[in-house]
Amino acid sequence: MTESKTTTRTGAVLDSAHVGDIEGAFGRISVTETDSARTIKRRLLTMAAIVGPGLIVMVGDNDAGGVATYAQAGQNYGYSLLWVLLLLIPVLIVNQEMVVRLGAVTGVGHARLINERFGRGWGWFSVGDLFILNFLTIVTEFIGISLAASYFGISKYVVVPTAAVALVAIMATGSFRRWERAMFVFIAISAVQIPMVLMSHPDWGRAAHDFVVPGIKGGVTSDAVLLIIAIVGTTVAPWQLFFQQSNIIDKRITPRFIGYERADTVLGAFVVVIGAAALVMTADFAARATGTSGGFVDAGQIAHLLGAHSGALGTIFAIVLLDASIVGAAAVTLSTSYAFGDVFGIKHSLHRGFKDAKQFYVSYSVMIALAAAIVLIPGAPLGLITTAVQALAGLLLPSASVFLLLLCNDREVLGPWVNKRWLNVVAGLIVGVLLLLSGILMATTLFPDLDVMTVTTYLAVGMIVVAVVAVAGIKLAERRRGTAPAVPAPEFGPEEKLGWRMPPLALLQPVRWSAGTRLGMLALRGYLVIGAILLVVKAVELGRG
């Protein structure tokens, strides 16, 4: 390897700790290792060392909010919403695969890329909202911890501080490998979902039918549509993009290992859906066994219902809730600290000890401490916080995907790794659906008396009209000014592509948006501003009763 190529491969990396050997939970890969002798055994060992970021981000997404949402689906609608989970697999894979390429090729976190490529205004607009959403999400994780503890008769004033200390201790070891191993311990604990669902006497024939045949128990209602939106929102969350990209960088994964990390991501997508399905089916059993179908309160109540029928089953569900809350809190908090390091240009790596990256670890510890403290405040509006998290996630969901799509079509950033045309079509369709769902969720959260089906119809028609007008406007503008001949993209050989890394950001050509992109981004900004203002007004109203 020549000196110039080495410089190119690491030129954009912000923290020097992000360069070096890959140190995974189940193996190590030397930075000097060659691609020779790729036997099946060697490939399996490489996969074992790489696996982690994709699996952790997916399991972390089945957090306290996810457990509650899936349990609500099972108790109120039985197996009938399982088909939604199946549709989410390609959405998760497409979104997170783009993040995989961004992390491995650029060596730069999602927050910093947005800041540098689209300007600090857009960067702060995106990351500032993320900080708020992530903090509120961490609060909901501690709510989940307290609900699980209540099943065992343990005071939240004991278990919440203990969990907070444990979360800080797990992270602040100064070793990426030790942190990842700890995460895999919690992932292994989540595997008790398998015996849990087997003990729930599942109807496999009905489950197979409802996975592939869309339907809704009781018919299409406003509540059912809102729950479907909640399932999508809790499964496809903005923090996932920031976490996996930064975690890939921190693990030192380069383009040479993108194939393995894609496999890690696909594995995680199937694991998260299997876990979600197990929760839905178990909650359905709780409803049938206790005659409480349609009476969902919270995830803690499901544990008590199961416990009333079978003590062992209730205990397992409470353990799943506790474990999910801890994994979720660890992943969401770390994604925020990674973004904090990106934005302020400070050291932000799990390879560093506390003394070497004080600001990184302090930001993590402060968020954990504040979130835990809020849950311990007597009379704290925990229900309002949970509602706000759902609404804010719905607001930010499409904007995060739009930035992701723009970055993955930026040749200055990804070079030969930019999106293929078919992927842009699929991703664009996903963004459109997420935008529609976001609008429905925001409208019905702010104005509960609105009819969901009517809102859905109007928003869908409005989006189609806007899309048609925008496309027509762009084509008319291009005809008037004339289109320059397309510049062919440079060709790269397989080895050259695997060795390509994004140069330092300061050397890249500035982003030039087309008229259509600029118009779309201004519309997106207007939507976010109006939505945020309305959300604050609604929160104040609810706070005053």
Protein backbone atom coordinates (compact mmCIF):
# COMPACT_ATOMS: atom_id res chain seq x y z
CA MET A 1 0.00 0.00 0.00
CA THR A 2 1.43 3.39 -0.97
CA GLU A 3 1.60 6.40 1.31
CA SER A 4 -0.81 8.42 -0.83
CA LYS A 5 -3.41 5.70 -0.76
CA THR A 6 -3.11 5.43 3.02
CA THR A 7 -3.73 9.17 3.33
CA THR A 8 -6.81 8.91 1.16
CA ARG A 9 -8.17 6.04 3.15
CA THR A 10 -8.06 7.94 6.46
CA GLY A 11 -8.15 11.57 5.30
CA ALA A 12 -11.64 12.52 6.56
CA VAL A 13 -11.47 10.72 9.91
CA LEU A 14 -12.03 13.13 12.79
CA ASP A 15 -10.83 11.01 15.74
CA SER A 16 -7.55 9.11 15.33
CA ALA A 17 -8.96 6.34 17.55
CA HIS A 18 -11.25 5.46 14.63
CA VAL A 19 -8.27 4.11 12.67
CA GLY A 20 -6.62 0.78 13.44
CA ASP A 21 -7.43 -2.88 14.02
CA ILE A 22 -11.07 -3.97 14.13
CA GLU A 23 -11.68 -5.21 17.66
CA GLY A 24 -15.05 -6.94 17.74
CA ALA A 25 -16.70 -8.92 20.50
CA PHE A 26 -15.84 -12.20 18.78
CA GLY A 27 -12.57 -11.49 17.04
CA ARG A 28 -9.94 -9.09 15.80
CA ILE A 29 -8.92 -8.10 12.27
CA SER A 30 -5.53 -6.49 11.76
CA VAL A 31 -5.42 -3.30 9.71
CA THR A 32 -2.53 -4.86 7.75
CA GLU A 33 -4.42 -8.06 6.90
CA THR A 34 -4.68 -8.83 3.17
CA ASP A 35 -7.57 -10.36 1.23
CA SER A 36 -5.63 -13.50 0.34
CA ALA A 37 -6.76 -17.00 1.24
CA ARG A 38 -10.44 -16.15 1.71
CA THR A 39 -11.51 -19.64 2.75
CA ILE A 40 -14.95 -20.38 4.24
CA LYS A 41 -13.37 -20.61 7.70
CA ARG A 42 -11.64 -17.25 7.24
CA ARG A 43 -14.87 -15.65 6.03
CA LEU A 44 -16.75 -16.96 9.07
CA LEU A 45 -14.07 -15.63 11.41
CA THR A 46 -14.21 -12.26 9.65
CA MET A 47 -18.00 -12.18 9.95
CA ALA A 48 -17.72 -13.00 13.66
CA ALA A 49 -15.38 -10.04 14.16
CA ILE A 50 -17.55 -7.64 12.11
CA VAL A 51 -20.99 -8.52 13.47
CA GLY A 52 -22.25 -5.98 15.97
CA PRO A 53 -23.36 -2.54 14.75
CA GLY A 54 -26.25 -3.84 12.63
CA LEU A 55 -27.47 -6.35 15.20
CA ILE A 56 -27.16 -3.94 18.15
CA VAL A 57 -28.98 -1.09 16.40
CA MET A 58 -31.87 -3.39 15.47
CA VAL A 59 -32.21 -5.08 18.86
CA GLY A 60 -31.90 -1.66 20.49
CA ASP A 61 -34.87 -0.54 18.42
CA ASN A 62 -37.05 -3.13 20.19
CA ASP A 63 -36.79 -0.90 23.26
CA ALA A 64 -39.34 0.02 25.95
CA GLY A 65 -41.46 1.93 23.45
CA GLY A 66 -41.25 -0.94 20.99
CA VAL A 67 -42.29 -3.54 23.59
CA ALA A 68 -45.27 -1.37 24.56
CA THR A 69 -46.34 -0.81 20.95
CA TYR A 70 -46.07 -4.47 19.93
CA ALA A 71 -47.85 -5.54 23.13
CA GLN A 72 -50.67 -3.11 22.38
CA ALA A 73 -50.98 -4.55 18.87
CA GLY A 74 -51.24 -8.08 20.26
CA GLN A 75 -53.66 -7.34 23.09
CA ASN A 76 -56.00 -5.17 21.02
CA TYR A 77 -55.73 -6.72 17.54
CA GLY A 78 -54.38 -10.24 18.02
CA TYR A 79 -52.20 -11.51 15.19
CA SER A 80 -53.91 -9.34 12.56
CA LEU A 81 -51.14 -6.69 12.35
CA LEU A 82 -48.23 -9.10 11.88
CA TRP A 83 -48.14 -8.24 8.17
CA VAL A 84 -46.95 -4.72 9.08
CA LEU A 85 -43.79 -6.21 10.60
CA LEU A 86 -43.04 -8.18 7.44
CA LEU A 87 -43.28 -5.00 5.32
CA LEU A 88 -40.82 -3.26 7.64
CA ILE A 89 -37.98 -5.68 6.87
CA PRO A 90 -37.13 -4.13 3.45
CA VAL A 91 -37.58 -0.62 4.88
CA LEU A 92 -35.08 -1.33 7.65
CA ILE A 93 -32.60 -2.98 5.30
CA VAL A 94 -32.74 -0.20 2.67
CA ASN A 95 -32.37 2.63 5.21
CA GLN A 96 -29.61 1.05 7.25
CA GLU A 97 -27.68 -0.29 4.24
CA MET A 98 -27.24 3.29 3.06
CA VAL A 99 -25.88 4.14 6.50
CA VAL A 100 -23.47 1.20 6.26
CA ARG A 101 -21.90 2.64 3.11
CA LEU A 102 -21.74 6.16 4.54
CA GLY A 103 -19.95 5.00 7.67
CA ALA A 104 -17.45 2.65 6.02
CA VAL A 105 -16.58 4.93 3.08
CA THR A 106 -16.50 8.37 4.75
CA GLY A 107 -15.18 7.65 8.24
CA VAL A 108 -17.36 10.59 9.32
CA GLY A 109 -20.49 10.55 11.49
CA HIS A 110 -23.94 11.38 10.16
CA ALA A 111 -24.20 14.63 12.12
CA ARG A 112 -20.90 15.98 10.83
CA LEU A 113 -21.71 15.08 7.22
CA ILE A 114 -25.00 17.00 7.39
CA ASN A 115 -23.23 19.97 8.98
CA GLU A 116 -20.43 20.09 6.44
CA ARG A 117 -22.35 19.29 3.26
CA PHE A 118 -25.59 21.23 3.83
CA GLY A 119 -24.46 24.01 6.19
CA ARG A 120 -24.62 24.55 9.92
CA GLY A 121 -28.19 25.84 9.68
CA TRP A 122 -29.45 22.51 8.40
CA GLY A 123 -27.02 20.67 10.65
CA TRP A 124 -28.29 22.27 13.83
CA PHE A 125 -31.87 22.00 12.62
CA SER A 126 -31.45 18.25 12.21
CA VAL A 127 -29.12 17.42 15.10
CA GLY A 128 -30.78 19.80 17.59
CA ASP A 129 -34.10 18.02 17.11
CA LEU A 130 -32.32 14.68 17.40
CA PHE A 131 -30.85 15.64 20.78
CA ILE A 132 -34.31 16.51 22.12
CA LEU A 133 -35.94 13.39 20.71
CA ASN A 134 -33.17 11.10 21.94
CA PHE A 135 -33.27 12.55 25.44
CA LEU A 136 -37.03 12.05 25.68
CA THR A 137 -36.58 8.52 24.32
CA ILE A 138 -34.04 7.78 27.07
CA VAL A 139 -36.63 8.92 29.62
CA THR A 140 -39.09 6.38 28.18
CA GLU A 141 -36.44 3.67 28.54
CA PHE A 142 -36.23 4.39 32.27
CA ILE A 143 -40.03 4.34 32.41
CA GLY A 144 -39.80 0.83 30.96
CA ILE A 145 -37.20 -0.12 33.58
CA SER A 146 -39.48 1.12 36.38
CA LEU A 147 -42.48 -0.80 34.98
CA ALA A 148 -40.45 -4.02 34.81
CA ALA A 149 -39.18 -3.48 38.36
CA SER A 150 -42.72 -2.97 39.65
CA TYR A 151 -43.60 -6.50 38.52
CA PHE A 152 -40.92 -7.86 40.84
CA GLY A 153 -42.00 -5.53 43.65
CA ILE A 154 -38.79 -3.49 43.49
CA SER A 155 -39.02 0.25 44.05
CA LYS A 156 -38.13 2.45 41.08
CA TYR A 157 -36.03 4.50 43.50
CA VAL A 158 -33.72 1.49 43.75
CA VAL A 159 -33.74 0.01 40.25
CA VAL A 160 -33.60 3.23 38.19
CA PRO A 161 -30.41 4.64 39.83
CA THR A 162 -28.85 1.17 39.72
CA ALA A 163 -29.58 0.86 36.01
CA ALA A 164 -28.18 4.36 35.38
CA VAL A 165 -24.90 3.52 37.12
CA ALA A 166 -24.67 0.22 35.23
CA LEU A 167 -25.21 1.95 31.87
CA VAL A 168 -22.39 4.41 32.56
CA ALA A 169 -20.08 1.66 33.85
CA ILE A 170 -20.65 -0.50 30.76
CA MET A 171 -19.72 2.34 28.43
CA ALA A 172 -16.81 3.96 30.27
CA THR A 173 -14.42 0.99 30.15
CA GLY A 174 -12.13 2.50 27.50
CA SER A 175 -12.54 -0.61 25.36
CA PHE A 176 -14.83 -0.94 22.35
CA ARG A 177 -14.56 -4.72 22.60
CA ARG A 178 -15.70 -4.82 26.25
CA TRP A 179 -18.65 -2.52 25.45
CA GLU A 180 -19.71 -4.68 22.48
CA ARG A 181 -19.43 -7.87 24.52
CA ALA A 182 -21.67 -6.33 27.19
CA MET A 183 -24.22 -5.47 24.48
CA PHE A 184 -24.13 -9.06 23.23
CA VAL A 185 -24.88 -10.29 26.76
CA PHE A 186 -28.08 -8.24 26.71
CA ILE A 187 -28.86 -9.43 23.18
CA ALA A 188 -28.46 -13.02 24.41
CA ILE A 189 -30.89 -12.29 27.26
CA SER A 190 -33.44 -11.02 24.72
CA ALA A 191 -33.43 -14.52 23.21
CA VAL A 192 -35.79 -15.58 26.05
CA GLN A 193 -38.48 -14.19 23.73
CA ILE A 194 -38.35 -17.56 21.94
CA PRO A 195 -39.35 -19.73 24.94
CA MET A 196 -41.74 -16.93 25.95
CA VAL A 197 -43.73 -17.17 22.72
CA LEU A 198 -43.60 -21.00 22.78
CA MET A 199 -45.14 -20.94 26.27
CA SER A 200 -47.92 -18.71 24.90
CA HIS A 201 -49.48 -21.57 22.90
CA PRO A 202 -49.11 -19.82 19.52
CA ASP A 203 -51.37 -20.61 16.59
CA TRP A 204 -48.70 -21.01 13.90
CA GLY A 205 -51.18 -21.41 11.07
CA ARG A 206 -52.94 -18.16 11.91
CA ALA A 207 -49.59 -16.42 12.39
CA ALA A 208 -48.37 -17.55 8.95
CA HIS A 209 -51.62 -16.33 7.38
CA ASP A 210 -51.56 -12.92 9.09
CA PHE A 211 -47.91 -12.38 8.20
CA VAL A 212 -48.65 -12.50 4.47
CA VAL A 213 -52.33 -11.50 4.22
CA PRO A 214 -53.01 -7.89 5.30
CA GLY A 215 -56.02 -7.39 7.54
CA ILE A 216 -57.12 -5.62 10.70
CA LYS A 217 -59.17 -7.26 13.45
CA GLY A 218 -62.41 -5.32 13.75
CA GLY A 219 -61.90 -3.51 10.46
CA VAL A 220 -60.12 -0.29 9.51
CA THR A 221 -60.56 2.26 12.30
CA SER A 222 -58.78 5.44 13.37
CA ASP A 223 -57.22 3.65 16.35
CA ALA A 224 -55.95 0.82 14.16
CA VAL A 225 -54.39 3.21 11.64
CA LEU A 226 -52.68 5.16 14.43
CA LEU A 227 -51.30 1.93 15.91
CA ILE A 228 -49.91 0.88 12.52
CA ILE A 229 -48.19 4.26 12.27
CA ALA A 230 -46.83 3.79 15.80
CA ILE A 231 -45.42 0.37 14.81
CA VAL A 232 -43.63 1.94 11.85
CA GLY A 233 -42.40 4.86 13.97
CA THR A 234 -41.04 2.68 16.75
CA THR A 235 -39.33 0.31 14.29
CA VAL A 236 -37.81 2.91 11.93
CA ALA A 237 -36.36 5.60 14.24
CA PRO A 238 -34.07 8.56 13.36
CA TRP A 239 -31.50 7.71 16.04
CA GLN A 240 -30.74 4.42 14.25
CA LEU A 241 -29.13 6.27 11.33
CA PHE A 242 -26.81 8.27 13.58
CA PHE A 243 -25.93 5.29 15.79
CA GLN A 244 -25.03 2.69 13.19
CA GLN A 245 -22.98 5.05 11.04
CA SER A 246 -20.92 6.25 14.02
CA ASN A 247 -20.63 2.77 15.51
CA ILE A 248 -19.29 1.41 12.21
CA ILE A 249 -16.70 4.19 12.21
CA ASP A 250 -15.80 3.57 15.85
CA LYS A 251 -15.38 -0.14 15.11
CA ARG A 252 -13.02 0.86 12.24
CA ILE A 253 -14.95 -0.94 9.51
CA THR A 254 -13.74 0.08 6.04
CA PRO A 255 -15.18 -0.49 2.52
CA ARG A 256 -13.37 -3.84 2.35
CA PHE A 257 -15.87 -5.18 4.93
CA ILE A 258 -19.09 -3.57 3.65
CA GLY A 259 -20.40 -6.95 2.50
CA TYR A 260 -20.03 -8.38 6.00
CA GLU A 261 -21.66 -5.35 7.62
CA ARG A 262 -24.55 -5.58 5.16
CA ALA A 263 -25.04 -9.18 6.30
CA ASP A 264 -24.92 -7.99 9.92
CA THR A 265 -27.65 -5.44 9.12
CA VAL A 266 -29.88 -7.95 7.32
CA LEU A 267 -29.49 -10.36 10.24
CA GLY A 268 -30.48 -7.59 12.65
CA ALA A 269 -33.57 -6.71 10.57
CA PHE A 270 -34.86 -10.28 10.77
CA VAL A 271 -34.02 -10.55 14.49
CA VAL A 272 -35.94 -7.36 15.32
CA VAL A 273 -39.03 -8.53 13.41
CA ILE A 274 -38.91 -12.00 15.00
CA GLY A 275 -38.71 -10.37 18.43
CA ALA A 276 -41.56 -7.99 17.62
CA ALA A 277 -43.73 -10.87 16.38
CA ALA A 278 -43.01 -12.82 19.59
CA LEU A 279 -44.20 -9.84 21.66
CA VAL A 280 -47.38 -9.46 19.58
CA MET A 281 -48.23 -13.15 19.89
CA THR A 282 -47.48 -13.25 23.63
CA ALA A 283 -49.67 -10.21 24.30
CA ASP A 284 -52.46 -11.82 22.28
CA PHE A 285 -52.22 -14.86 24.56
CA ALA A 286 -52.36 -12.59 27.63
CA ALA A 287 -55.55 -11.01 26.31
CA ARG A 288 -57.20 -14.34 25.48
CA ALA A 289 -56.18 -16.01 28.73
CA THR A 290 -57.49 -13.18 30.91
CA GLY A 291 -60.39 -11.88 28.82
CA THR A 292 -58.83 -8.43 28.43
CA SER A 293 -58.75 -8.11 24.65
CA GLY A 294 -58.82 -4.45 23.62
CA GLY A 295 -57.93 -3.19 27.09
CA PHE A 296 -54.26 -2.28 26.72
CA VAL A 297 -52.83 0.02 29.43
CA ASP A 298 -49.05 -0.38 29.32
CA ALA A 299 -46.33 -3.03 28.99
CA GLY A 300 -46.19 -3.49 32.76
CA GLN A 301 -49.84 -4.52 32.79
CA ILE A 302 -49.11 -7.24 30.19
CA ALA A 303 -46.51 -8.72 32.54
CA HIS A 304 -49.06 -8.80 35.37
CA LEU A 305 -51.73 -10.37 33.12
CA LEU A 306 -49.30 -13.08 32.06
CA GLY A 307 -48.21 -13.54 35.67
CA ALA A 308 -51.81 -14.09 36.73
CA HIS A 309 -52.02 -17.00 34.28
CA SER A 310 -48.44 -18.27 34.61
CA GLY A 311 -45.87 -16.85 37.00
CA ALA A 312 -43.00 -18.01 34.81
CA LEU A 313 -44.45 -16.35 31.72
CA GLY A 314 -45.01 -13.05 33.52
CA THR A 315 -41.45 -13.14 34.83
CA ILE A 316 -40.01 -13.74 31.37
CA PHE A 317 -42.02 -10.86 29.88
CA ALA A 318 -40.83 -8.52 32.64
CA ILE A 319 -37.23 -9.59 31.98
CA VAL A 320 -37.72 -8.90 28.25
CA LEU A 321 -39.07 -5.42 29.05
CA LEU A 322 -36.19 -4.67 31.42
CA ASP A 323 -33.57 -5.95 28.99
CA ALA A 324 -35.10 -4.05 26.05
CA SER A 325 -35.12 -0.83 28.07
CA ILE A 326 -31.44 -1.17 29.01
CA VAL A 327 -30.29 -1.97 25.45
CA GLY A 328 -32.41 0.88 24.10
CA ALA A 329 -31.07 3.35 26.65
CA ALA A 330 -27.46 2.35 25.91
CA ALA A 331 -27.85 2.63 22.11
CA VAL A 332 -29.90 5.86 22.04
CA THR A 333 -27.63 7.61 24.53
CA LEU A 334 -24.50 6.54 22.68
CA SER A 335 -25.93 7.75 19.36
CA THR A 336 -26.44 11.17 20.97
CA SER A 337 -22.91 11.27 22.37
CA TYR A 338 -21.51 10.28 18.96
CA ALA A 339 -23.47 13.16 17.36
CA PHE A 340 -22.26 15.50 20.12
CA GLY A 341 -18.67 14.58 19.28
CA ASP A 342 -19.30 15.09 15.56
CA VAL A 343 -20.88 18.52 15.99
CA PHE A 344 -18.30 19.92 18.42
CA GLY A 345 -15.26 18.18 16.94
CA ILE A 346 -14.20 16.42 20.14
CA LYS A 347 -12.80 12.93 20.71
CA HIS A 348 -15.69 10.47 20.63
CA SER A 349 -14.61 6.85 20.64
CA LEU A 350 -15.24 3.89 22.91
CA HIS A 351 -11.58 2.97 22.34
CA ARG A 352 -10.64 5.91 24.56
CA GLY A 353 -10.78 5.92 28.35
CA PHE A 354 -12.55 8.56 30.44
CA LYS A 355 -9.44 10.71 30.93
CA ASP A 356 -8.79 10.77 27.19
CA ALA A 357 -12.36 11.67 26.12
CA LYS A 358 -13.93 13.41 29.12
CA GLN A 359 -16.47 15.48 27.16
CA PHE A 360 -17.71 12.42 25.27
CA TYR A 361 -18.26 10.40 28.44
CA VAL A 362 -19.62 13.33 30.44
CA SER A 363 -22.25 14.04 27.78
CA TYR A 364 -23.33 10.39 27.98
CA SER A 365 -23.38 10.33 31.79
CA VAL A 366 -25.29 13.60 32.10
CA MET A 367 -28.04 12.42 29.73
CA ILE A 368 -28.39 9.15 31.65
CA ALA A 369 -28.49 10.95 35.01
CA LEU A 370 -31.03 13.58 33.91
CA ALA A 371 -33.32 11.02 32.25
CA ALA A 372 -33.25 8.80 35.34
CA ALA A 373 -33.90 11.80 37.60
CA ILE A 374 -37.01 12.81 35.63
CA VAL A 375 -38.53 9.34 36.04
CA LEU A 376 -37.92 9.55 39.81
CA ILE A 377 -39.70 12.91 40.20
CA PRO A 378 -43.06 12.32 41.94
CA GLY A 379 -45.91 13.33 39.64
CA ALA A 380 -43.66 13.79 36.59
CA PRO A 381 -45.74 13.85 33.36
CA LEU A 382 -44.43 10.51 32.14
CA GLY A 383 -47.49 9.88 29.96
CA LEU A 384 -47.05 13.27 28.28
CA ILE A 385 -43.37 12.51 27.65
CA THR A 386 -44.25 9.18 26.03
CA THR A 387 -46.79 10.89 23.76
CA ALA A 388 -44.30 13.63 22.88
CA VAL A 389 -41.66 11.04 21.90
CA GLN A 390 -44.09 9.34 19.53
CA ALA A 391 -45.16 12.64 17.95
CA LEU A 392 -41.63 14.04 17.65
CA ALA A 393 -40.35 10.79 16.14
CA GLY A 394 -43.12 11.03 13.58
CA LEU A 395 -42.12 14.61 12.81
CA LEU A 396 -38.40 13.82 12.31
CA LEU A 397 -38.75 10.47 10.58
CA PRO A 398 -39.03 11.66 6.95
CA SER A 399 -36.49 14.49 7.31
CA ALA A 400 -33.81 12.09 8.56
CA SER A 401 -34.47 9.84 5.57
CA VAL A 402 -34.30 12.79 3.15
CA PHE A 403 -30.84 13.80 4.40
CA LEU A 404 -29.74 10.18 4.16
CA LEU A 405 -30.91 9.97 0.56
CA LEU A 406 -29.16 13.23 -0.40
CA LEU A 407 -25.87 12.10 1.15
CA CYS A 408 -26.04 8.72 -0.59
CA ASN A 409 -26.33 10.47 -3.98
CA ASP A 410 -23.40 12.83 -3.30
CA ARG A 411 -20.48 11.64 -5.49
CA GLU A 412 -18.08 13.87 -3.57
CA VAL A 413 -18.96 11.90 -0.42
CA LEU A 414 -19.43 8.33 -1.68
CA GLY A 415 -17.63 8.28 -5.03
CA PRO A 416 -18.21 4.82 -6.57
CA TRP A 417 -20.47 3.86 -3.66
CA VAL A 418 -23.36 6.21 -4.48
CA ASN A 419 -26.90 4.83 -4.77
CA LYS A 420 -27.98 2.94 -7.85
CA ARG A 421 -31.01 4.30 -9.70
CA TRP A 422 -33.30 1.47 -8.55
CA LEU A 423 -32.29 2.09 -4.94
CA ASN A 424 -33.18 5.77 -5.27
CA VAL A 425 -36.63 4.80 -6.56
CA VAL A 426 -37.20 2.42 -3.64
CA ALA A 427 -35.79 4.87 -1.09
CA GLY A 428 -37.84 7.72 -2.57
CA LEU A 429 -41.00 5.63 -2.25
CA ILE A 430 -40.10 4.85 1.37
CA VAL A 431 -39.54 8.55 2.13
CA GLY A 432 -42.92 9.38 0.57
CA VAL A 433 -44.71 6.79 2.71
CA LEU A 434 -42.85 7.95 5.85
CA LEU A 435 -43.80 11.54 5.08
CA LEU A 436 -47.46 10.53 4.74
CA LEU A 437 -47.37 8.56 8.00
CA SER A 438 -45.58 11.43 9.74
CA GLY A 439 -48.24 13.89 8.63
CA ILE A 440 -51.04 11.62 9.86
CA LEU A 441 -49.37 11.06 13.22
CA MET A 442 -48.66 14.74 13.76
CA ALA A 443 -52.18 15.82 12.74
CA THR A 444 -53.93 13.29 14.96
CA THR A 445 -51.60 13.91 17.92
CA LEU A 446 -52.23 17.64 17.79
CA PHE A 447 -55.92 17.36 16.94
CA PRO A 448 -57.25 14.08 18.42
CA ASP A 449 -60.80 14.64 17.14
CA LEU A 450 -59.75 14.45 13.49
CA ASP A 451 -60.89 11.40 11.55
CA VAL A 452 -57.78 9.44 10.60
CA MET A 453 -59.17 8.01 7.40
CA THR A 454 -60.19 11.47 6.15
CA VAL A 455 -56.78 12.92 7.07
CA THR A 456 -55.04 10.03 5.30
CA THR A 457 -57.05 10.57 2.11
CA TYR A 458 -56.47 14.32 1.99
CA LEU A 459 -52.75 14.02 2.76
CA ALA A 460 -52.23 11.27 0.16
CA VAL A 461 -54.02 13.26 -2.56
CA GLY A 462 -52.15 16.42 -1.56
CA MET A 463 -48.76 14.67 -1.74
CA ILE A 464 -49.54 13.27 -5.21
CA VAL A 465 -50.60 16.71 -6.48
CA VAL A 466 -47.50 18.37 -5.02
CA ALA A 467 -45.23 15.68 -6.53
CA VAL A 468 -46.79 16.06 -9.99
CA VAL A 469 -46.57 19.87 -9.87
CA ALA A 470 -42.96 19.74 -8.63
CA VAL A 471 -41.86 17.35 -11.37
CA ALA A 472 -43.61 19.44 -14.03
CA GLY A 473 -42.02 22.62 -12.66
CA ILE A 474 -38.54 21.12 -12.64
CA LYS A 475 -38.85 19.88 -16.24
CA LEU A 476 -40.16 23.28 -17.39
CA ALA A 477 -37.25 25.07 -15.69
CA GLU A 478 -34.75 22.69 -17.29
CA ARG A 479 -36.24 23.30 -20.76
CA ARG A 480 -36.02 27.07 -20.35
CA ARG A 481 -32.38 27.16 -19.32
CA GLY A 482 -31.31 24.14 -21.38
CA THR A 483 -29.60 21.11 -19.91
CA ALA A 484 -25.87 20.62 -19.99
CA PRO A 485 -24.64 17.26 -21.26
CA ALA A 486 -24.36 14.77 -18.44
CA VAL A 487 -20.85 14.19 -17.15
CA PRO A 488 -20.19 10.44 -17.07
CA ALA A 489 -19.30 9.06 -13.68
CA PRO A 490 -15.70 7.84 -13.39
CA GLU A 491 -15.23 4.10 -13.56
CA PHE A 492 -13.56 2.15 -10.76
CA GLY A 493 -12.19 -1.36 -10.75
CA PRO A 494 -13.10 -3.74 -7.91
CA GLU A 495 -9.87 -3.18 -5.96
CA GLU A 496 -9.94 0.56 -6.52
CA LYS A 497 -13.52 0.73 -5.30
CA LEU A 498 -12.72 -1.21 -2.13
CA GLY A 499 -9.84 1.16 -1.40
CA TRP A 500 -11.75 4.39 -2.06
CA ARG A 501 -12.36 6.60 0.98
CA MET A 502 -13.84 10.07 1.14
CA PRO A 503 -11.14 12.79 1.10
CA PRO A 504 -11.06 15.46 3.84
CA LEU A 505 -14.33 17.41 3.79
CA ALA A 506 -12.54 20.70 3.19
CA LEU A 507 -11.31 19.40 -0.18
CA LEU A 508 -14.76 18.48 -1.50
CA GLN A 509 -16.67 20.58 -4.00
CA PRO A 510 -19.60 22.41 -2.38
CA VAL A 511 -23.09 20.98 -2.74
CA ARG A 512 -25.17 22.53 -5.52
CA TRP A 513 -28.86 21.78 -5.21
CA SER A 514 -31.17 21.77 -8.21
CA ALA A 515 -34.26 23.98 -8.19
CA GLY A 516 -36.43 21.00 -7.33
CA THR A 517 -34.23 19.88 -4.46
CA ARG A 518 -34.06 23.41 -3.04
CA LEU A 519 -37.84 23.75 -3.26
CA GLY A 520 -38.34 20.39 -1.59
CA MET A 521 -35.91 21.19 1.23
CA LEU A 522 -37.60 24.55 1.88
CA ALA A 523 -40.96 22.78 2.05
CA LEU A 524 -39.45 20.23 4.44
CA ARG A 525 -38.06 23.01 6.62
CA GLY A 526 -41.47 24.72 6.69
CA TYR A 527 -43.13 21.45 7.68
CA LEU A 528 -40.65 20.91 10.51
CA VAL A 529 -41.00 24.46 11.83
CA ILE A 530 -44.80 24.42 11.78
CA GLY A 531 -44.93 20.92 13.23
CA ALA A 532 -42.51 21.81 16.04
CA ILE A 533 -44.47 24.95 16.96
CA LEU A 534 -47.78 23.07 17.01
CA LEU A 535 -46.20 20.28 19.06
CA VAL A 536 -44.94 22.74 21.68
CA VAL A 537 -48.36 24.42 21.87
CA LYS A 538 -50.04 21.04 22.30
CA ALA A 539 -47.57 20.01 25.01
CA VAL A 540 -48.26 23.24 26.95
CA GLU A 541 -52.01 22.65 26.67
CA LEU A 542 -51.69 19.08 27.92
CA GLY A 543 -49.38 20.20 30.72
CA ARG A 544 -52.05 22.64 31.92
CA GLY A 545 -54.67 19.90 31.82
